[in-house]
C-alpha atoms as a PDB file:
ATOM      1  CA  UNK A   1      14.260  -1.720   8.847  1.00  0.00           C
ATOM      2  CA  UNK A   2      16.688  -3.725  11.008  1.00  0.00           C
ATOM      3  CA  UNK A   3      17.566  -6.353   8.046  1.00  0.00           C
ATOM      4  CA  UNK A   4      18.261  -3.211   5.830  1.00  0.00           C
ATOM      5  CA  UNK A   5      20.271  -1.511   8.624  1.00  0.00           C
ATOM      6  CA  UNK A   6      18.099   1.559   8.105  1.00  0.00           C
ATOM      7  CA  UNK A   7      16.676   1.841  11.651  1.00  0.00           C
ATOM      8  CA  UNK A   8      20.098   3.669  12.812  1.00  0.00           C
ATOM      9  CA  UNK A   9      19.621   6.339  10.269  1.00  0.00           C
ATOM     10  CA  UNK A  10      15.916   6.828   9.952  1.00  0.00           C
ATOM     11  CA  UNK A  11      12.614   6.446  11.998  1.00  0.00           C
ATOM     12  CA  UNK A  12       9.712   4.828  10.747  1.00  0.00           C
ATOM     13  CA  UNK A  13       8.051   8.333  10.404  1.00  0.00           C
ATOM     14  CA  UNK A  14      11.040   9.553   7.848  1.00  0.00           C
ATOM     15  CA  UNK A  15      10.136   6.394   6.045  1.00  0.00           C
ATOM     16  CA  UNK A  16       6.422   7.388   5.762  1.00  0.00           C
ATOM     17  CA  UNK A  17       7.114  10.756   5.086  1.00  0.00           C
ATOM     18  CA  UNK A  18       9.297  10.032   2.173  1.00  0.00           C
ATOM     19  CA  UNK A  19       7.290   7.408   0.473  1.00  0.00           C
ATOM     20  CA  UNK A  20       4.191  10.103   0.950  1.00  0.00           C
ATOM     21  CA  UNK A  21       5.933  12.072  -1.562  1.00  0.00           C
ATOM     22  CA  UNK A  22       4.957   9.525  -4.301  1.00  0.00           C
ATOM     23  CA  UNK A  23       1.477   9.463  -6.055  1.00  0.00           C
ATOM     24  CA  UNK A  24      -1.082   7.251  -7.838  1.00  0.00           C
ATOM     25  CA  UNK A  25      -3.053   8.902 -10.335  1.00  0.00           C
ATOM     26  CA  UNK A  26      -5.953   7.799 -12.109  1.00  0.00           C
ATOM     27  CA  UNK A  27      -6.512   9.471 -15.792  1.00  0.00           C
ATOM     28  CA  UNK A  28      -8.816   8.155 -18.137  1.00  0.00           C
ATOM     29  CA  UNK A  29      -8.904   4.779 -16.542  1.00  0.00           C
ATOM     30  CA  UNK A  30      -5.417   4.129 -16.614  1.00  0.00           C
ATOM     31  CA  UNK A  31      -3.154   4.199 -13.143  1.00  0.00           C
ATOM     32  CA  UNK A  32       0.352   6.013 -13.230  1.00  0.00           C
ATOM     33  CA  UNK A  33       2.549   6.339 -10.649  1.00  0.00           C
ATOM     34  CA  UNK A  34       4.624   9.917 -10.192  1.00  0.00           C
ATOM     35  CA  UNK A  35       8.147   9.844 -10.335  1.00  0.00           C
ATOM     36  CA  UNK A  36       9.894   8.051  -7.320  1.00  0.00           C
ATOM     37  CA  UNK A  37      12.727   9.955  -5.942  1.00  0.00           C
ATOM     38  CA  UNK A  38      15.825   8.444  -6.055  1.00  0.00           C
ATOM     39  CA  UNK A  39      16.463   8.048  -2.297  1.00  0.00           C
ATOM     40  CA  UNK A  40      12.716   6.234  -2.232  1.00  0.00           C
ATOM     41  CA  UNK A  41      13.661   3.597  -4.611  1.00  0.00           C
ATOM     42  CA  UNK A  42      16.991   2.906  -2.871  1.00  0.00           C
ATOM     43  CA  UNK A  43      15.127   2.574   0.235  1.00  0.00           C
ATOM     44  CA  UNK A  44      12.665   0.180  -1.545  1.00  0.00           C
ATOM     45  CA  UNK A  45      15.172  -1.971  -2.759  1.00  0.00           C
ATOM     46  CA  UNK A  46      17.042  -2.251   0.563  1.00  0.00           C
ATOM     47  CA  UNK A  47      13.797  -3.440   2.485  1.00  0.00           C
ATOM     48  CA  UNK A  48      12.842  -5.491  -0.508  1.00  0.00           C
ATOM     49  CA  UNK A  49       9.063  -4.378  -0.516  1.00  0.00           C
ATOM     50  CA  UNK A  50       8.922  -4.050  -4.332  1.00  0.00           C
ATOM     51  CA  UNK A  51       6.036  -1.590  -4.249  1.00  0.00           C
ATOM     52  CA  UNK A  52       7.190   0.498  -7.478  1.00  0.00           C
ATOM     53  CA  UNK A  53       7.234  -1.038 -11.111  1.00  0.00           C
ATOM     54  CA  UNK A  54      10.504  -1.391 -12.491  1.00  0.00           C
ATOM     55  CA  UNK A  55       9.164  -1.231 -16.157  1.00  0.00           C
ATOM     56  CA  UNK A  56       7.634   1.691 -17.915  1.00  0.00           C
ATOM     57  CA  UNK A  57       4.536   1.032 -20.055  1.00  0.00           C
ATOM     58  CA  UNK A  58       3.118   3.491 -22.738  1.00  0.00           C
END
């Protein structure tokens, strides 16, 4: 969080709370991620975690 300069604005608890709004669902053997809020995507990019796929497959 220090490298992304987010530590002055948010605590690790805030980060975990926002990330908890994203769910991974398993439907008929296929995994899906629910919609990722814009703020969470921005934090993911800033932190360099790359947790969420950028590509949508159908």
